Amino acid sequence: MSSQSVSPEPELSVVVPVMNEADNVRPLIDEIVAALRGVTPFEIVYVDDGSTDGTLDALKAARTEVPELRIVAHTRNSGQSAGVRTGVKAARAPLVATLDGDGQNDPADIPKLLAAYRAAPAEERVRLVGGQRVKRQDTAAKRWASRWANRLRGWLLNDDTRDTGCGLKLFERTAFLDLPYFDHLHRFLPALIKRDGYAIRMVDVGHRPRTRGASKYGVLDRALVSIRDLMGVMWLMARRRLPGEVKEL
């Protein structure tokens, strides 16, 4: 971890998992800073997931100028969910916002999610506010596959979101760390938060075309993995028994 001075008590940790996104690092960091400085005390936790390009060098260079930036690195590639979990575990704030490192999520939308979380009455027990992309800037094949997967998932899990694949989410750190961990966990956060008896809120957010770097996912491989994961989450949902209010006597 960097010994550089950062905000002593951040309210929000922005977690960004990346793999081979050297050209996107500095532009996205600058956008996060522009969106959050003066809005709330924050830190940025980048998790390098075994990059083989200049991503780590770009992060280290940015850290010399951005005191809010912290860097955590995996020695081998472990996937996006592992990167998110590593970042959440390293986070110092009670709230965590996640976004993809490819620049397609707009950091300017983070304050919208934070405002929705703050506006929720305490008795509703909202633990997650998720982004739902409008006017997606992806290929027609990706949009079709995502629409089909979201409809199937929503029907089977009743997770109250049309776009669980959006990387832009805000949640309570402790609620996330209480969830069962598995690869591709990040795509099922609304359902799993509801499984623990909490509420979620969804907010429409923007979506931008990728302008630098290359996508790490294909349509077919993602679809096949999602079907297997969906069956596992259905099992988890069926096996959860909530204890109600817990009191120490």
C-alpha atoms as a PDB file:
ATOM      1  CA  MET A   1       0.000   0.000   0.000  1.00  0.00           C
ATOM      2  CA  SER A   2       1.077   3.566  -0.640  1.00  0.00           C
ATOM      3  CA  SER A   3       2.211   5.628   2.326  1.00  0.00           C
ATOM      4  CA  GLN A   4       1.042   8.775   0.547  1.00  0.00           C
ATOM      5  CA  SER A   5      -1.309  11.020   2.520  1.00  0.00           C
ATOM      6  CA  VAL A   6      -5.000  10.504   1.769  1.00  0.00           C
ATOM      7  CA  SER A   7      -8.248  11.604   3.360  1.00  0.00           C
ATOM      8  CA  PRO A   8      -8.149  10.240   6.961  1.00  0.00           C
ATOM      9  CA  GLU A   9     -11.796   9.161   7.003  1.00  0.00           C
ATOM     10  CA  PRO A  10     -13.244   8.690   3.513  1.00  0.00           C
ATOM     11  CA  GLU A  11     -16.997   8.210   3.275  1.00  0.00           C
ATOM     12  CA  LEU A  12     -16.687   6.541  -0.114  1.00  0.00           C
ATOM     13  CA  SER A  13     -14.178   4.147  -1.648  1.00  0.00           C
ATOM     14  CA  VAL A  14     -14.277   3.931  -5.444  1.00  0.00           C
ATOM     15  CA  VAL A  15     -13.091   0.461  -6.460  1.00  0.00           C
ATOM     16  CA  VAL A  16     -11.906  -0.061 -10.040  1.00  0.00           C
ATOM     17  CA  PRO A  17     -10.665  -3.517 -11.105  1.00  0.00           C
ATOM     18  CA  VAL A  18      -8.545  -3.438 -14.270  1.00  0.00           C
ATOM     19  CA  MET A  19      -6.626  -5.774 -16.531  1.00  0.00           C
ATOM     20  CA  ASN A  20      -4.597  -4.358 -19.433  1.00  0.00           C
ATOM     21  CA  GLU A  21      -6.220  -0.911 -19.457  1.00  0.00           C
ATOM     22  CA  ALA A  22      -3.089   1.252 -19.537  1.00  0.00           C
ATOM     23  CA  ASP A  23      -4.562   3.862 -21.873  1.00  0.00           C
ATOM     24  CA  ASN A  24      -7.734   4.232 -19.787  1.00  0.00           C
ATOM     25  CA  VAL A  25      -6.123   4.614 -16.357  1.00  0.00           C
ATOM     26  CA  ARG A  26      -5.332   8.311 -16.152  1.00  0.00           C
ATOM     27  CA  PRO A  27      -8.381   9.649 -18.043  1.00  0.00           C
ATOM     28  CA  LEU A  28     -10.747   7.678 -15.781  1.00  0.00           C
ATOM     29  CA  ILE A  29      -8.932   8.662 -12.575  1.00  0.00           C
ATOM     30  CA  ASP A  30      -9.175  12.321 -13.564  1.00  0.00           C
ATOM     31  CA  GLU A  31     -12.912  11.920 -14.167  1.00  0.00           C
ATOM     32  CA  ILE A  32     -13.432  10.268 -10.768  1.00  0.00           C
ATOM     33  CA  VAL A  33     -11.568  13.084  -9.057  1.00  0.00           C
ATOM     34  CA  ALA A  34     -13.578  15.717 -10.951  1.00  0.00           C
ATOM     35  CA  ALA A  35     -16.841  14.012  -9.994  1.00  0.00           C
ATOM     36  CA  LEU A  36     -16.134  13.613  -6.269  1.00  0.00           C
ATOM     37  CA  ARG A  37     -13.784  16.306  -4.979  1.00  0.00           C
ATOM     38  CA  GLY A  38     -15.911  18.690  -2.954  1.00  0.00           C
ATOM     39  CA  VAL A  39     -18.826  16.242  -2.912  1.00  0.00           C
ATOM     40  CA  THR A  40     -17.656  13.737  -0.280  1.00  0.00           C
ATOM     41  CA  PRO A  41     -14.373  12.539   1.283  1.00  0.00           C
ATOM     42  CA  PHE A  42     -13.241   9.654  -0.934  1.00  0.00           C
ATOM     43  CA  GLU A  43     -10.453   7.354  -1.961  1.00  0.00           C
ATOM     44  CA  ILE A  44      -9.853   5.489  -5.208  1.00  0.00           C
ATOM     45  CA  VAL A  45      -8.745   1.858  -4.974  1.00  0.00           C
ATOM     46  CA  TYR A  46      -7.470   0.444  -8.256  1.00  0.00           C
ATOM     47  CA  VAL A  47      -6.999  -3.321  -8.361  1.00  0.00           C
ATOM     48  CA  ASP A  48      -4.634  -4.473 -11.088  1.00  0.00           C
ATOM     49  CA  ASP A  49      -5.682  -8.004 -12.015  1.00  0.00           C
ATOM     50  CA  GLY A  50      -2.437  -9.370 -13.406  1.00  0.00           C
ATOM     51  CA  SER A  51      -1.988  -6.870 -16.237  1.00  0.00           C
ATOM     52  CA  THR A  52       0.746  -7.579 -18.779  1.00  0.00           C
ATOM     53  CA  ASP A  53       0.855  -4.129 -20.373  1.00  0.00           C
ATOM     54  CA  GLY A  54       1.732  -0.754 -18.838  1.00  0.00           C
ATOM     55  CA  THR A  55      -1.293  -0.539 -16.515  1.00  0.00           C
ATOM     56  CA  LEU A  56       0.719  -0.697 -13.293  1.00  0.00           C
ATOM     57  CA  ASP A  57       3.197   1.892 -14.539  1.00  0.00           C
ATOM     58  CA  ALA A  58       0.326   4.212 -15.469  1.00  0.00           C
ATOM     59  CA  LEU A  59      -1.199   3.744 -12.018  1.00  0.00           C
ATOM     60  CA  LYS A  60       2.071   4.463 -10.229  1.00  0.00           C
ATOM     61  CA  ALA A  61       2.579   7.598 -12.307  1.00  0.00           C
ATOM     62  CA  ALA A  62      -0.941   8.799 -11.493  1.00  0.00           C
ATOM     63  CA  ARG A  63      -0.435   8.165  -7.782  1.00  0.00           C
ATOM     64  CA  THR A  64       2.316  10.807  -7.646  1.00  0.00           C
ATOM     65  CA  GLU A  65      -0.293  13.448  -8.549  1.00  0.00           C
ATOM     66  CA  VAL A  66      -3.551  12.040  -7.115  1.00  0.00           C
ATOM     67  CA  PRO A  67      -3.354  11.662  -3.310  1.00  0.00           C
ATOM     68  CA  GLU A  68      -6.674   9.821  -3.165  1.00  0.00           C
ATOM     69  CA  LEU A  69      -5.331   6.957  -5.297  1.00  0.00           C
ATOM     70  CA  ARG A  70      -4.324   3.602  -3.832  1.00  0.00           C
ATOM     71  CA  ILE A  71      -3.077   0.600  -5.804  1.00  0.00           C
ATOM     72  CA  VAL A  72      -3.570  -3.091  -5.023  1.00  0.00           C
ATOM     73  CA  ALA A  73      -2.196  -5.740  -7.385  1.00  0.00           C
ATOM     74  CA  HIS A  74      -2.900  -9.419  -8.054  1.00  0.00           C
ATOM     75  CA  THR A  75       0.128 -11.483  -9.042  1.00  0.00           C
ATOM     76  CA  ARG A  76      -2.067 -13.418 -11.503  1.00  0.00           C
ATOM     77  CA  ASN A  77      -5.290 -12.746 -13.344  1.00  0.00           C
ATOM     78  CA  SER A  78      -8.294 -13.837 -11.271  1.00  0.00           C
ATOM     79  CA  GLY A  79     -11.280 -12.145 -12.926  1.00  0.00           C
ATOM     80  CA  GLN A  80     -13.446  -9.112 -12.291  1.00  0.00           C
ATOM     81  CA  SER A  81     -15.275 -10.431  -9.232  1.00  0.00           C
ATOM     82  CA  ALA A  82     -11.978 -11.259  -7.531  1.00  0.00           C
ATOM     83  CA  GLY A  83     -10.782  -7.750  -8.337  1.00  0.00           C
ATOM     84  CA  VAL A  84     -13.913  -6.193  -6.884  1.00  0.00           C
ATOM     85  CA  ARG A  85     -13.659  -8.274  -3.716  1.00  0.00           C
ATOM     86  CA  THR A  86      -9.967  -7.453  -3.250  1.00  0.00           C
ATOM     87  CA  GLY A  87     -10.771  -3.765  -3.613  1.00  0.00           C
ATOM     88  CA  VAL A  88     -13.689  -3.897  -1.193  1.00  0.00           C
ATOM     89  CA  LYS A  89     -11.562  -5.686   1.401  1.00  0.00           C
ATOM     90  CA  ALA A  90      -8.867  -3.024   1.013  1.00  0.00           C
ATOM     91  CA  ALA A  91     -11.384  -0.154   1.139  1.00  0.00           C
ATOM     92  CA  ARG A  92     -11.363   2.118   4.208  1.00  0.00           C
ATOM     93  CA  ALA A  93     -14.790   3.707   3.731  1.00  0.00           C
ATOM     94  CA  PRO A  94     -18.195   2.351   4.828  1.00  0.00           C
ATOM     95  CA  LEU A  95     -19.580   2.903   1.311  1.00  0.00           C
ATOM     96  CA  VAL A  96     -18.107   1.473  -1.882  1.00  0.00           C
ATOM     97  CA  ALA A  97     -18.771   2.474  -5.475  1.00  0.00           C
ATOM     98  CA  THR A  98     -17.578   0.211  -8.269  1.00  0.00           C
ATOM     99  CA  LEU A  99     -17.165   0.952 -11.941  1.00  0.00           C
ATOM    100  CA  ASP A 100     -15.538  -0.742 -14.900  1.00  0.00           C
ATOM    101  CA  GLY A 101     -12.034   0.328 -15.829  1.00  0.00           C
ATOM    102  CA  ASP A 102     -12.705   0.588 -19.570  1.00  0.00           C
ATOM    103  CA  GLY A 103     -14.185   4.088 -19.377  1.00  0.00           C
ATOM    104  CA  GLN A 104     -17.694   3.101 -20.465  1.00  0.00           C
ATOM    105  CA  ASN A 105     -19.206   3.934 -17.043  1.00  0.00           C
ATOM    106  CA  ASP A 106     -19.322   7.690 -16.400  1.00  0.00           C
ATOM    107  CA  PRO A 107     -17.921   8.659 -12.967  1.00  0.00           C
ATOM    108  CA  ALA A 108     -20.160  11.741 -13.056  1.00  0.00           C
ATOM    109  CA  ASP A 109     -23.038   9.368 -12.265  1.00  0.00           C
ATOM    110  CA  ILE A 110     -21.533   8.313  -8.915  1.00  0.00           C
ATOM    111  CA  PRO A 111     -23.028  11.305  -7.014  1.00  0.00           C
ATOM    112  CA  LYS A 112     -26.474  10.286  -8.341  1.00  0.00           C
ATOM    113  CA  LEU A 113     -26.103   6.869  -6.727  1.00  0.00           C
ATOM    114  CA  LEU A 114     -24.809   8.424  -3.510  1.00  0.00           C
ATOM    115  CA  ALA A 115     -27.772  10.828  -3.397  1.00  0.00           C
ATOM    116  CA  ALA A 116     -30.236   7.954  -3.902  1.00  0.00           C
ATOM    117  CA  TYR A 117     -28.623   6.010  -1.049  1.00  0.00           C
ATOM    118  CA  ARG A 118     -28.731   9.012   1.288  1.00  0.00           C
ATOM    119  CA  ALA A 119     -32.372   9.729   0.404  1.00  0.00           C
ATOM    120  CA  ALA A 120     -33.590   6.227   1.295  1.00  0.00           C
ATOM    121  CA  PRO A 121     -35.406   6.075   4.668  1.00  0.00           C
ATOM    122  CA  ALA A 122     -33.486   4.079   7.275  1.00  0.00           C
ATOM    123  CA  GLU A 123     -36.409   1.702   7.854  1.00  0.00           C
ATOM    124  CA  GLU A 124     -36.215   0.554   4.219  1.00  0.00           C
ATOM    125  CA  ARG A 125     -32.733  -0.888   4.859  1.00  0.00           C
ATOM    126  CA  VAL A 126     -31.323  -0.024   1.444  1.00  0.00           C
ATOM    127  CA  ARG A 127     -27.869  -1.526   1.124  1.00  0.00           C
ATOM    128  CA  LEU A 128     -27.248  -1.216  -2.618  1.00  0.00           C
ATOM    129  CA  VAL A 129     -27.958   1.363  -5.311  1.00  0.00           C
ATOM    130  CA  GLY A 130     -27.267   0.047  -8.788  1.00  0.00           C
ATOM    131  CA  GLY A 131     -26.870   1.796 -12.099  1.00  0.00           C
ATOM    132  CA  GLN A 132     -29.045   0.813 -15.058  1.00  0.00           C
ATOM    133  CA  ARG A 133     -27.538   1.785 -18.391  1.00  0.00           C
ATOM    134  CA  VAL A 134     -29.615   3.743 -20.884  1.00  0.00           C
ATOM    135  CA  LYS A 135     -28.684   3.967 -24.579  1.00  0.00           C
ATOM    136  CA  ARG A 136     -25.990   1.309 -24.281  1.00  0.00           C
ATOM    137  CA  GLN A 137     -22.989   1.913 -26.504  1.00  0.00           C
ATOM    138  CA  ASP A 138     -22.151  -1.732 -27.260  1.00  0.00           C
ATOM    139  CA  THR A 139     -22.419  -3.945 -30.318  1.00  0.00           C
ATOM    140  CA  ALA A 140     -25.854  -5.196 -31.350  1.00  0.00           C
ATOM    141  CA  ALA A 141     -24.833  -8.746 -30.394  1.00  0.00           C
ATOM    142  CA  LYS A 142     -23.835  -7.695 -26.880  1.00  0.00           C
ATOM    143  CA  ARG A 143     -27.030  -5.686 -26.406  1.00  0.00           C
ATOM    144  CA  TRP A 144     -29.187  -8.612 -27.575  1.00  0.00           C
ATOM    145  CA  ALA A 145     -27.381 -11.138 -25.375  1.00  0.00           C
ATOM    146  CA  SER A 146     -27.587  -8.829 -22.351  1.00  0.00           C
ATOM    147  CA  ARG A 147     -31.305  -8.169 -22.886  1.00  0.00           C
ATOM    148  CA  TRP A 148     -32.030 -11.906 -23.115  1.00  0.00           C
ATOM    149  CA  ALA A 149     -29.909 -12.704 -20.037  1.00  0.00           C
ATOM    150  CA  ASN A 150     -31.457  -9.903 -17.980  1.00  0.00           C
ATOM    151  CA  ARG A 151     -34.993 -11.034 -18.749  1.00  0.00           C
ATOM    152  CA  LEU A 152     -34.217 -14.636 -17.828  1.00  0.00           C
ATOM    153  CA  ARG A 153     -32.382 -13.649 -14.671  1.00  0.00           C
ATOM    154  CA  GLY A 154     -35.097 -11.225 -13.592  1.00  0.00           C
ATOM    155  CA  TRP A 155     -37.784 -13.856 -14.093  1.00  0.00           C
ATOM    156  CA  LEU A 156     -35.931 -16.523 -12.100  1.00  0.00           C
ATOM    157  CA  LEU A 157     -34.405 -14.366  -9.338  1.00  0.00           C
ATOM    158  CA  ASN A 158     -36.894 -11.478  -9.048  1.00  0.00           C
ATOM    159  CA  ASP A 159     -34.021  -9.065  -8.458  1.00  0.00           C
ATOM    160  CA  ASP A 160     -35.857  -5.864  -9.481  1.00  0.00           C
ATOM    161  CA  THR A 161     -33.324  -4.658 -12.046  1.00  0.00           C
ATOM    162  CA  ARG A 162     -33.248  -4.687 -15.824  1.00  0.00           C
ATOM    163  CA  ASP A 163     -29.440  -4.362 -15.980  1.00  0.00           C
ATOM    164  CA  THR A 164     -27.528  -6.215 -13.309  1.00  0.00           C
ATOM    165  CA  GLY A 165     -24.440  -6.279 -15.544  1.00  0.00           C
ATOM    166  CA  CYS A 166     -23.810  -2.546 -15.162  1.00  0.00           C
ATOM    167  CA  GLY A 167     -20.468  -2.118 -13.401  1.00  0.00           C
ATOM    168  CA  LEU A 168     -21.552   1.117 -11.713  1.00  0.00           C
ATOM    169  CA  LYS A 169     -22.913   0.244  -8.258  1.00  0.00           C
ATOM    170  CA  LEU A 170     -22.830   1.702  -4.752  1.00  0.00           C
ATOM    171  CA  PHE A 171     -23.231  -0.464  -1.659  1.00  0.00           C
ATOM    172  CA  GLU A 172     -22.375  -0.796   2.013  1.00  0.00           C
ATOM    173  CA  ARG A 173     -19.024  -2.479   2.461  1.00  0.00           C
ATOM    174  CA  THR A 174     -20.141  -4.737   5.324  1.00  0.00           C
ATOM    175  CA  ALA A 175     -23.205  -5.937   3.386  1.00  0.00           C
ATOM    176  CA  PHE A 176     -21.000  -6.936   0.452  1.00  0.00           C
ATOM    177  CA  LEU A 177     -18.477  -8.787   2.595  1.00  0.00           C
ATOM    178  CA  ASP A 178     -21.294 -10.809   4.188  1.00  0.00           C
ATOM    179  CA  LEU A 179     -22.235 -12.271   0.794  1.00  0.00           C
ATOM    180  CA  PRO A 180     -21.071 -15.725  -0.328  1.00  0.00           C
ATOM    181  CA  TYR A 181     -18.160 -15.293  -2.708  1.00  0.00           C
ATOM    182  CA  PHE A 182     -17.885 -16.950  -6.133  1.00  0.00           C
ATOM    183  CA  ASP A 183     -16.533 -15.967  -9.538  1.00  0.00           C
ATOM    184  CA  HIS A 184     -18.922 -13.616 -11.387  1.00  0.00           C
ATOM    185  CA  LEU A 185     -20.500 -12.587  -8.079  1.00  0.00           C
ATOM    186  CA  HIS A 186     -20.575  -8.957  -9.251  1.00  0.00           C
ATOM    187  CA  ARG A 187     -23.333  -9.763 -11.777  1.00  0.00           C
ATOM    188  CA  PHE A 188     -25.732 -10.981  -9.087  1.00  0.00           C
ATOM    189  CA  LEU A 189     -25.341  -8.356  -6.372  1.00  0.00           C
ATOM    190  CA  PRO A 190     -28.968  -7.090  -6.421  1.00  0.00           C
ATOM    191  CA  ALA A 191     -30.362 -10.610  -5.987  1.00  0.00           C
ATOM    192  CA  LEU A 192     -27.874 -11.531  -3.253  1.00  0.00           C
ATOM    193  CA  ILE A 193     -28.422  -8.301  -1.310  1.00  0.00           C
ATOM    194  CA  LYS A 194     -32.181  -8.997  -1.397  1.00  0.00           C
ATOM    195  CA  ARG A 195     -31.454 -12.569  -0.305  1.00  0.00           C
ATOM    196  CA  ASP A 196     -30.024 -11.149   2.918  1.00  0.00           C
ATOM    197  CA  GLY A 197     -33.248  -9.280   3.625  1.00  0.00           C
ATOM    198  CA  TYR A 198     -32.173  -5.828   2.448  1.00  0.00           C
ATOM    199  CA  ALA A 199     -33.608  -3.444  -0.129  1.00  0.00           C
ATOM    200  CA  ILE A 200     -32.044  -2.098  -3.302  1.00  0.00           C
ATOM    201  CA  ARG A 201     -32.576   0.984  -5.436  1.00  0.00           C
ATOM    202  CA  MET A 202     -31.855   1.373  -9.153  1.00  0.00           C
ATOM    203  CA  VAL A 203     -30.841   4.599 -10.908  1.00  0.00           C
ATOM    204  CA  ASP A 204     -30.621   5.253 -14.651  1.00  0.00           C
ATOM    205  CA  VAL A 205     -27.052   6.095 -15.685  1.00  0.00           C
ATOM    206  CA  GLY A 206     -25.248   6.863 -18.904  1.00  0.00           C
ATOM    207  CA  HIS A 207     -23.095   4.550 -20.977  1.00  0.00           C
ATOM    208  CA  ARG A 208     -20.238   5.431 -23.300  1.00  0.00           C
ATOM    209  CA  PRO A 209     -18.500   3.669 -26.180  1.00  0.00           C
ATOM    210  CA  ARG A 210     -15.088   2.187 -25.510  1.00  0.00           C
ATOM    211  CA  THR A 211     -12.538   4.506 -27.102  1.00  0.00           C
ATOM    212  CA  ARG A 212      -9.293   2.901 -25.895  1.00  0.00           C
ATOM    213  CA  GLY A 213      -8.195  -0.697 -25.403  1.00  0.00           C
ATOM    214  CA  ALA A 214     -10.054  -3.922 -26.197  1.00  0.00           C
ATOM    215  CA  SER A 215     -12.930  -5.744 -24.527  1.00  0.00           C
ATOM    216  CA  LYS A 216     -11.954  -8.747 -22.410  1.00  0.00           C
ATOM    217  CA  TYR A 217     -15.254 -10.626 -22.909  1.00  0.00           C
ATOM    218  CA  GLY A 218     -17.005 -12.409 -25.763  1.00  0.00           C
ATOM    219  CA  VAL A 219     -20.750 -12.843 -26.132  1.00  0.00           C
ATOM    220  CA  LEU A 220     -20.854 -16.659 -26.240  1.00  0.00           C
ATOM    221  CA  ASP A 221     -18.428 -17.367 -23.388  1.00  0.00           C
ATOM    222  CA  ARG A 222     -20.209 -14.901 -21.110  1.00  0.00           C
ATOM    223  CA  ALA A 223     -23.628 -16.437 -21.920  1.00  0.00           C
ATOM    224  CA  LEU A 224     -22.487 -19.978 -21.134  1.00  0.00           C
ATOM    225  CA  VAL A 225     -20.932 -18.954 -17.811  1.00  0.00           C
ATOM    226  CA  SER A 226     -24.007 -16.903 -16.869  1.00  0.00           C
ATOM    227  CA  ILE A 227     -26.339 -19.899 -17.223  1.00  0.00           C
ATOM    228  CA  ARG A 228     -24.204 -21.962 -14.852  1.00  0.00           C
ATOM    229  CA  ASP A 229     -23.923 -19.096 -12.376  1.00  0.00           C
ATOM    230  CA  LEU A 230     -27.663 -18.465 -12.520  1.00  0.00           C
ATOM    231  CA  MET A 231     -28.361 -22.040 -11.447  1.00  0.00           C
ATOM    232  CA  GLY A 232     -25.972 -21.622  -8.518  1.00  0.00           C
ATOM    233  CA  VAL A 233     -27.563 -18.360  -7.381  1.00  0.00           C
ATOM    234  CA  MET A 234     -31.019 -19.939  -7.593  1.00  0.00           C
ATOM    235  CA  TRP A 235     -29.758 -22.624  -5.198  1.00  0.00           C
ATOM    236  CA  LEU A 236     -28.339 -19.967  -2.844  1.00  0.00           C
ATOM    237  CA  MET A 237     -31.635 -18.063  -2.877  1.00  0.00           C
ATOM    238  CA  ALA A 238     -33.605 -21.212  -2.035  1.00  0.00           C
ATOM    239  CA  ARG A 239     -31.308 -22.203   0.840  1.00  0.00           C
ATOM    240  CA  ARG A 240     -31.262 -18.854   2.722  1.00  0.00           C
ATOM    241  CA  ARG A 241     -33.062 -18.719   6.083  1.00  0.00           C
ATOM    242  CA  LEU A 242     -33.159 -15.296   7.722  1.00  0.00           C
ATOM    243  CA  PRO A 243     -33.060 -15.166  11.546  1.00  0.00           C
ATOM    244  CA  GLY A 244     -35.017 -11.909  11.863  1.00  0.00           C
ATOM    245  CA  GLU A 245     -33.711  -9.281  14.253  1.00  0.00           C
ATOM    246  CA  VAL A 246     -30.660 -10.410  16.204  1.00  0.00           C
ATOM    247  CA  LYS A 247     -30.266  -9.173  19.792  1.00  0.00           C
ATOM    248  CA  GLU A 248     -27.671  -9.772  22.455  1.00  0.00           C
ATOM    249  CA  LEU A 249     -29.392 -10.505  25.776  1.00  0.00           C
END
